[in-house]
Amino acid sequence: MITVSVIKADVGGVPGHSRVHPELEEIARNNLKKEKDLIDFYVTHCGDDLELIMTHKEGVDSEKIHGIAWDTFEKATKKAKELKLYGAGQDLLSDAFSGNIRGLGPGIAEMEFTERKGEPLVVFMMDKTEPGAFNLPVYRMFADPFCTAGLVIDPNMHNGFRFEVWDIKEHKRVFMNTPEEMYDLLALIGAKSRYVIKRVYPKKGKLPENEPVAVISTEKLYQIAGEYVGKDDPCGIVRAQSGLPALGEVLEPFAIPFLVSGWMRGSHNGPLMPVSLKDAKCTRFDGPPRVAALGFQIANGKLVGGIDLFDDPAFDIARRKAQEIADYMRRHGPFEPHRLPLEEMEYTTLPKVLEKLKDRFEVVK
């Protein structure tokens, strides 16, 4: 069994919330090189988030692996503070590691599985948005035949898939099967600020039913810190081919820059732009929200590749469309639907404005 762990954190941006300083990435690489518990690793960034991609045999929620990530982020934070980078250590919400990184700020997507003869895997990284931004593309990958032709053409996929959906406000989960519960699933995941896809599993077929084929980070920073400290900036891992969506089917949902929540101050709706790593830096209105994708083949736990999958002119139209949508949404200024509805602004700085005005409201008779 191989475990792939993607753990990310905002430990400081340059300038502002734009991107990770190269020295922080180098510190991370040097730190991970020393770790004998890792089979392999890959360090990168998406916007101002430092991303650690690691393979090992310790399983998910390993104290060893989480401790390695925490130590790496702490060392990067120390350098970020020396450089006076913006938001240095922003996602490290505790002074001490307690055996598991969950609940301490960083985002985590991990899966343990039996390595196949050929094991293509995509790591998705988003910036300036929330975990629910993965709901639409993951649904389309594994349940929409207009996106994934294999659901129609490949008999190995006709049984469909099982979705694990989390209610991130009530801290509950539900398992739902497609295609038979497709409409019920959509009723939940369409409310992406509350119900988020955590994992996808195969149903009866070529693959073990208890081994996930997709997993998304679902940490909500505002629930940890009690006020706005970031918009979660989720990451995800998706396996492909041989009874699963083909690589092109995994990427196809991002050909349309659909609207997500986040952007400036985590308080606005905007288009999700698929970009290459060189363009994974957020500038216009601290955005618009970005998604980058790295493709690997897993060979005995080794990460072969690191192919920049959105560095492709095939996604140029999506990028241009995202720019048009960004223009249109920005013209709304502070008005909804560009600005998020009040119930989603509860953990931003807006309540401080409302608190200042509360005694000036009069009863209307």
Protein backbone atom coordinates (compact mmCIF):
# COMPACT_ATOMS: atom_id res chain seq x y z
CA MET A 1 0.00 0.00 0.00
CA ILE A 2 1.21 3.48 -0.91
CA THR A 3 0.08 6.73 0.70
CA VAL A 4 0.11 10.05 -1.12
CA SER A 5 -0.12 13.08 1.17
CA VAL A 6 -0.61 16.61 -0.09
CA ILE A 7 -0.28 19.10 2.76
CA LYS A 8 -0.31 22.84 2.13
CA ALA A 9 -0.12 26.04 4.15
CA ASP A 10 0.14 29.78 3.69
CA VAL A 11 3.31 30.64 5.61
CA GLY A 12 3.95 34.01 3.97
CA GLY A 13 3.43 35.73 0.63
CA VAL A 14 5.44 38.11 -1.56
CA PRO A 15 4.13 40.68 -2.11
CA GLY A 16 0.93 40.53 -0.09
CA HIS A 17 -1.08 37.40 -0.88
CA SER A 18 0.45 36.97 -4.35
CA ARG A 19 2.85 34.01 -4.30
CA VAL A 20 5.32 31.94 -2.28
CA HIS A 21 8.88 33.27 -2.03
CA PRO A 22 11.35 30.89 -3.77
CA GLU A 23 13.51 30.70 -0.61
CA LEU A 24 10.61 29.10 1.27
CA GLU A 25 10.29 26.39 -1.37
CA GLU A 26 14.03 25.74 -1.16
CA ILE A 27 13.86 25.45 2.64
CA ALA A 28 11.04 22.92 2.24
CA ARG A 29 13.00 20.84 -0.29
CA ASN A 30 16.09 20.78 1.89
CA ASN A 31 14.05 19.77 4.92
CA LEU A 32 12.21 16.94 3.15
CA LYS A 33 15.44 15.58 1.63
CA LYS A 34 16.57 14.54 5.12
CA GLU A 35 13.44 12.55 5.96
CA LYS A 36 13.95 8.79 5.69
CA ASP A 37 10.24 8.05 6.24
CA LEU A 38 9.41 9.52 2.84
CA ILE A 39 9.70 7.50 -0.36
CA ASP A 40 9.58 10.64 -2.50
CA PHE A 41 8.43 14.26 -2.42
CA TYR A 42 7.70 17.25 -4.65
CA VAL A 43 7.58 20.86 -3.43
CA THR A 44 5.67 23.53 -5.30
CA HIS A 45 3.25 26.41 -4.76
CA CYS A 46 -0.11 27.74 -5.85
CA GLY A 47 -0.47 31.44 -5.19
CA ASP A 48 0.76 32.11 -1.65
CA ASP A 49 0.38 28.49 -0.52
CA LEU A 50 3.41 26.24 -0.03
CA GLU A 51 2.46 22.76 -1.26
CA LEU A 52 4.16 19.54 -0.07
CA ILE A 53 3.45 16.41 -2.11
CA MET A 54 4.81 13.32 -0.32
CA THR A 55 4.68 9.54 -0.80
CA HIS A 56 5.30 7.04 1.98
CA LYS A 57 4.03 3.82 3.59
CA GLU A 58 2.87 5.29 6.91
CA GLY A 59 -0.85 5.53 6.01
CA VAL A 60 -3.13 8.53 6.38
CA ASP A 61 -3.05 10.69 9.51
CA SER A 62 0.47 9.50 10.31
CA GLU A 63 2.05 11.37 13.21
CA LYS A 64 5.44 10.96 11.53
CA ILE A 65 4.36 12.45 8.20
CA HIS A 66 2.26 15.22 9.72
CA GLY A 67 5.16 16.03 12.02
CA ILE A 68 7.48 16.32 9.02
CA ALA A 69 5.06 18.72 7.31
CA TRP A 70 4.63 20.79 10.47
CA ASP A 71 8.39 21.04 11.00
CA THR A 72 8.81 22.10 7.36
CA PHE A 73 6.17 24.81 7.66
CA GLU A 74 7.69 26.09 10.91
CA LYS A 75 11.13 26.43 9.30
CA ALA A 76 9.62 28.16 6.29
CA THR A 77 7.68 30.48 8.61
CA LYS A 78 10.86 31.44 10.44
CA LYS A 79 12.41 32.54 7.13
CA ALA A 80 9.18 34.29 6.14
CA LYS A 81 9.32 36.36 9.31
CA GLU A 82 12.96 37.26 8.64
CA LEU A 83 11.94 38.47 5.17
CA LYS A 84 8.87 40.22 6.65
CA LEU A 85 6.64 38.39 4.18
CA TYR A 86 2.95 39.12 4.38
CA GLY A 87 0.91 36.84 6.64
CA ALA A 88 4.00 34.93 7.81
CA GLY A 89 2.80 31.74 9.50
CA GLN A 90 -0.84 32.64 8.74
CA ASP A 91 -2.01 29.03 8.50
CA LEU A 92 -0.13 27.79 11.59
CA LEU A 93 -2.81 28.38 14.20
CA SER A 94 -1.01 26.72 17.08
CA ASP A 95 2.41 27.01 18.66
CA ALA A 96 2.80 23.27 19.13
CA PHE A 97 2.31 20.12 17.05
CA SER A 98 0.08 17.63 18.85
CA GLY A 99 0.51 14.48 16.74
CA ASN A 100 -1.87 15.38 13.92
CA ILE A 101 -1.84 18.47 11.72
CA ARG A 102 -5.63 18.45 11.24
CA GLY A 103 -7.27 21.38 12.97
CA LEU A 104 -3.99 23.31 13.21
CA GLY A 105 -4.49 25.32 10.01
CA PRO A 106 -2.84 23.58 7.01
CA GLY A 107 -4.96 21.84 4.40
CA ILE A 108 -4.59 18.09 3.89
CA ALA A 109 -5.56 15.63 1.16
CA GLU A 110 -4.31 12.07 1.70
CA MET A 111 -5.11 8.69 0.21
CA GLU A 112 -3.79 5.18 0.77
CA PHE A 113 -4.19 2.68 -2.07
CA THR A 114 -2.79 -0.40 -3.78
CA GLU A 115 -0.54 0.75 -6.58
CA ARG A 116 -1.73 -0.49 -9.97
CA LYS A 117 0.40 -1.63 -12.91
CA GLY A 118 -0.04 1.90 -14.24
CA GLU A 119 -0.94 4.58 -11.69
CA PRO A 120 -1.63 8.05 -13.18
CA LEU A 121 -2.45 10.63 -10.53
CA VAL A 122 -3.28 14.35 -10.62
CA VAL A 123 -2.68 16.78 -7.77
CA PHE A 124 -4.94 19.83 -7.97
CA MET A 125 -4.09 23.00 -6.04
CA MET A 126 -6.42 25.99 -5.69
CA ASP A 127 -5.83 29.48 -4.33
CA LYS A 128 -8.28 32.16 -3.20
CA THR A 129 -11.24 29.83 -2.87
CA GLU A 130 -12.88 27.24 -0.60
CA PRO A 131 -13.11 23.40 -0.52
CA GLY A 132 -16.58 23.49 -2.12
CA ALA A 133 -14.92 24.75 -5.31
CA PHE A 134 -14.07 21.09 -6.00
CA ASN A 135 -17.73 19.98 -5.86
CA LEU A 136 -18.62 20.73 -9.47
CA PRO A 137 -15.46 19.39 -11.16
CA VAL A 138 -15.26 16.21 -9.05
CA TYR A 139 -18.94 15.50 -9.67
CA ARG A 140 -18.41 15.98 -13.40
CA MET A 141 -15.34 13.71 -13.42
CA PHE A 142 -17.08 10.78 -11.74
CA ALA A 143 -20.79 11.21 -12.48
CA ASP A 144 -21.41 13.32 -15.58
CA PRO A 145 -21.38 11.37 -18.89
CA PHE A 146 -21.30 14.67 -20.81
CA CYS A 147 -17.83 15.16 -19.31
CA THR A 148 -16.60 11.61 -18.77
CA ALA A 149 -17.32 9.50 -21.84
CA GLY A 150 -16.10 6.41 -20.00
CA LEU A 151 -19.31 6.37 -17.96
CA VAL A 152 -21.02 5.43 -21.22
CA ILE A 153 -18.30 3.70 -23.22
CA ASP A 154 -16.36 1.75 -20.59
CA PRO A 155 -18.29 -1.19 -19.05
CA ASN A 156 -15.94 -1.07 -16.05
CA MET A 157 -17.41 2.30 -15.10
CA HIS A 158 -21.11 1.49 -15.53
CA ASN A 159 -21.56 0.70 -11.83
CA GLY A 160 -20.72 4.32 -11.02
CA PHE A 161 -19.05 5.66 -7.91
CA ARG A 162 -19.69 6.31 -4.22
CA PHE A 163 -19.33 9.88 -2.93
CA GLU A 164 -18.46 10.77 0.67
CA VAL A 165 -19.99 14.19 1.38
CA TRP A 166 -19.23 16.23 4.49
CA ASP A 167 -21.47 18.75 6.17
CA ILE A 168 -18.66 21.06 7.28
CA LYS A 169 -20.90 23.13 9.57
CA GLU A 170 -22.49 20.24 11.49
CA HIS A 171 -19.38 18.02 11.22
CA LYS A 172 -21.31 15.08 9.76
CA ARG A 173 -20.95 12.97 6.62
CA VAL A 174 -23.10 10.92 4.27
CA PHE A 175 -22.24 8.35 1.56
CA MET A 176 -24.19 8.56 -1.70
CA ASN A 177 -24.12 6.37 -4.81
CA THR A 178 -24.22 7.44 -8.42
CA PRO A 179 -25.93 7.15 -10.78
CA GLU A 180 -28.89 6.01 -8.65
CA GLU A 181 -28.72 8.88 -6.11
CA MET A 182 -27.46 11.50 -8.53
CA TYR A 183 -30.26 14.01 -7.92
CA ASP A 184 -30.03 13.73 -4.13
CA LEU A 185 -26.27 14.20 -4.37
CA LEU A 186 -26.70 17.34 -6.46
CA ALA A 187 -29.22 18.71 -3.96
CA LEU A 188 -26.43 18.69 -1.35
CA ILE A 189 -23.26 19.57 -3.20
CA GLY A 190 -24.90 22.47 -5.02
CA ALA A 191 -24.74 24.20 -1.62
CA LYS A 192 -20.95 24.22 -1.83
CA SER A 193 -20.31 26.46 1.17
CA ARG A 194 -21.76 23.78 3.47
CA TYR A 195 -21.72 20.36 1.76
CA VAL A 196 -18.39 19.35 0.24
CA ILE A 197 -17.16 16.21 -1.48
CA LYS A 198 -14.45 14.70 0.69
CA ARG A 199 -13.74 11.40 -1.10
CA VAL A 200 -14.89 9.32 -4.06
CA TYR A 201 -14.74 5.50 -4.04
CA PRO A 202 -15.24 2.92 -6.79
CA LYS A 203 -18.22 0.58 -6.65
CA LYS A 204 -18.05 -3.08 -7.69
CA GLY A 205 -15.47 -3.48 -10.42
CA LYS A 206 -11.73 -3.74 -11.00
CA LEU A 207 -10.67 -1.62 -8.00
CA PRO A 208 -10.94 -2.21 -4.23
CA GLU A 209 -14.13 -0.55 -2.99
CA ASN A 210 -12.51 0.73 0.23
CA GLU A 211 -9.66 2.58 -1.48
CA PRO A 212 -10.48 6.16 -2.52
CA VAL A 213 -9.89 7.36 -6.05
CA ALA A 214 -10.28 11.05 -5.21
CA VAL A 215 -9.84 13.04 -2.01
CA ILE A 216 -10.21 16.75 -1.24
CA SER A 217 -8.96 18.85 1.66
CA THR A 218 -11.92 20.11 3.69
CA GLU A 219 -10.28 22.15 6.44
CA LYS A 220 -12.19 25.38 7.14
CA LEU A 221 -9.84 27.97 8.62
CA TYR A 222 -12.61 30.25 9.81
CA GLN A 223 -14.04 27.46 11.97
CA ILE A 224 -10.63 27.00 13.57
CA ALA A 225 -9.64 30.62 14.11
CA GLY A 226 -13.10 32.12 14.68
CA GLU A 227 -12.51 34.95 12.22
CA TYR A 228 -11.30 35.42 8.65
CA VAL A 229 -7.72 34.21 8.26
CA GLY A 230 -7.90 32.89 4.70
CA LYS A 231 -10.29 31.13 2.35
CA ASP A 232 -8.95 27.59 2.85
CA ASP A 233 -7.28 27.30 -0.57
CA PRO A 234 -8.02 23.58 -1.02
CA CYS A 235 -6.01 20.83 -2.66
CA GLY A 236 -7.08 17.48 -4.07
CA ILE A 237 -5.76 14.17 -5.41
CA VAL A 238 -7.44 12.27 -8.26
CA ARG A 239 -6.41 8.89 -9.69
CA ALA A 240 -7.04 8.23 -13.38
CA GLN A 241 -7.40 5.55 -16.11
CA SER A 242 -8.17 1.79 -16.02
CA GLY A 243 -11.72 1.79 -14.70
CA LEU A 244 -11.48 5.45 -13.67
CA PRO A 245 -11.88 8.66 -15.67
CA ALA A 246 -9.10 9.11 -18.23
CA LEU A 247 -6.64 11.95 -17.69
CA GLY A 248 -8.46 14.13 -20.22
CA GLU A 249 -11.78 13.44 -18.48
CA VAL A 250 -10.26 14.46 -15.15
CA LEU A 251 -9.16 17.79 -16.64
CA GLU A 252 -12.22 18.49 -18.80
CA PRO A 253 -14.36 20.13 -16.04
CA PHE A 254 -11.86 22.99 -15.84
CA ALA A 255 -12.39 23.96 -19.48
CA ILE A 256 -15.21 26.15 -18.15
CA PRO A 257 -14.24 28.81 -15.56
CA PHE A 258 -17.18 28.23 -13.21
CA LEU A 259 -17.92 30.60 -10.33
CA VAL A 260 -16.45 29.93 -6.89
CA SER A 261 -16.41 31.77 -3.56
CA GLY A 262 -13.28 33.48 -2.28
CA TRP A 263 -11.24 35.99 -4.28
CA MET A 264 -10.53 39.29 -2.48
CA ARG A 265 -10.69 38.96 1.33
CA GLY A 266 -12.48 35.64 0.88
CA SER A 267 -15.65 37.66 0.33
CA HIS A 268 -16.44 37.54 -3.39
CA ASN A 269 -17.63 35.22 -6.13
CA GLY A 270 -15.43 34.91 -9.19
CA PRO A 271 -14.29 32.59 -11.98
CA LEU A 272 -11.88 29.73 -11.29
CA MET A 273 -9.04 30.14 -13.81
CA PRO A 274 -7.00 27.05 -14.80
CA VAL A 275 -3.35 28.14 -14.98
CA SER A 276 0.18 26.84 -15.35
CA LEU A 277 2.43 26.99 -12.30
CA LYS A 278 4.21 30.06 -13.69
CA ASP A 279 0.83 31.84 -13.68
CA ALA A 280 -0.25 30.51 -10.29
CA LYS A 281 0.03 33.91 -8.67
CA CYS A 282 -2.95 36.04 -7.76
CA THR A 283 -2.79 39.73 -8.61
CA ARG A 284 -5.99 41.26 -9.95
CA PHE A 285 -8.19 41.99 -6.92
CA ASP A 286 -6.02 39.32 -5.27
CA GLY A 287 -7.19 36.88 -7.90
CA PRO A 288 -9.15 35.79 -9.75
CA PRO A 289 -9.18 32.35 -8.04
CA ARG A 290 -6.69 29.93 -9.58
CA VAL A 291 -6.35 26.19 -10.03
CA ALA A 292 -3.13 24.44 -11.03
CA ALA A 293 -2.65 20.73 -11.74
CA LEU A 294 0.42 18.49 -11.63
CA GLY A 295 0.36 15.04 -13.23
CA PHE A 296 2.41 12.09 -12.01
CA GLN A 297 2.85 8.38 -12.62
CA ILE A 298 3.42 6.52 -9.35
CA ALA A 299 6.14 3.86 -9.66
CA ASN A 300 6.86 1.94 -6.45
CA GLY A 301 5.95 5.06 -4.53
CA LYS A 302 8.16 7.34 -6.63
CA LEU A 303 6.67 10.48 -8.17
CA VAL A 304 7.46 10.26 -11.88
CA GLY A 305 6.78 13.51 -13.67
CA GLY A 306 5.30 16.60 -12.16
CA ILE A 307 3.79 17.57 -15.53
CA ASP A 308 2.22 21.04 -15.52
CA LEU A 309 -1.11 19.97 -17.01
CA PHE A 310 -2.74 23.38 -17.51
CA ASP A 311 0.37 24.70 -19.30
CA ASP A 312 -1.46 23.99 -22.54
CA PRO A 313 -3.07 26.29 -25.13
CA ALA A 314 -6.13 24.01 -25.02
CA PHE A 315 -7.10 25.95 -21.87
CA ASP A 316 -6.51 29.42 -23.37
CA ILE A 317 -10.21 29.91 -24.11
CA ALA A 318 -11.06 29.08 -20.50
CA ARG A 319 -8.52 31.65 -19.33
CA ARG A 320 -9.90 34.33 -21.65
CA LYS A 321 -13.44 33.54 -20.55
CA ALA A 322 -12.32 33.80 -16.91
CA GLN A 323 -10.97 37.27 -17.62
CA GLU A 324 -14.27 38.32 -19.18
CA ILE A 325 -16.22 36.93 -16.22
CA ALA A 326 -13.84 38.67 -13.82
CA ASP A 327 -14.51 41.98 -15.60
CA TYR A 328 -18.27 41.46 -15.40
CA MET A 329 -18.29 40.45 -11.72
CA ARG A 330 -16.01 43.31 -10.70
CA ARG A 331 -18.45 45.84 -12.13
CA HIS A 332 -20.83 44.90 -9.30
CA GLY A 333 -18.40 46.34 -6.74
CA PRO A 334 -19.68 45.74 -3.18
CA PHE A 335 -23.05 44.42 -4.36
CA GLU A 336 -24.18 40.80 -4.39
CA PRO A 337 -23.80 38.46 -6.25
CA HIS A 338 -20.16 39.58 -6.58
CA ARG A 339 -19.89 40.03 -2.83
CA LEU A 340 -20.95 36.91 -0.95
CA PRO A 341 -24.34 36.78 0.81
CA LEU A 342 -24.40 37.85 4.47
CA GLU A 343 -24.54 34.32 5.88
CA GLU A 344 -21.19 33.58 4.19
CA MET A 345 -19.68 36.85 5.44
CA GLU A 346 -20.15 35.90 9.10
CA TYR A 347 -16.51 35.04 9.65
CA THR A 348 -15.00 37.91 7.65
CA THR A 349 -14.29 41.40 9.00
CA LEU A 350 -17.79 42.63 7.99
CA PRO A 351 -19.33 41.84 11.44
CA LYS A 352 -16.99 44.47 12.93
CA VAL A 353 -18.59 47.05 10.64
CA LEU A 354 -22.09 45.91 11.64
CA GLU A 355 -21.14 46.00 15.33
CA LYS A 356 -20.15 49.66 14.99
CA LEU A 357 -23.58 50.50 13.52
CA LYS A 358 -25.84 48.33 15.69
CA ASP A 359 -26.85 51.09 18.16
CA ARG A 360 -27.86 53.42 15.34
CA PHE A 361 -30.65 51.16 14.07
CA GLU A 362 -34.15 52.33 15.00
CA VAL A 363 -37.37 50.34 15.19
CA VAL A 364 -39.68 51.09 12.25
CA LYS A 365 -43.30 51.36 13.36
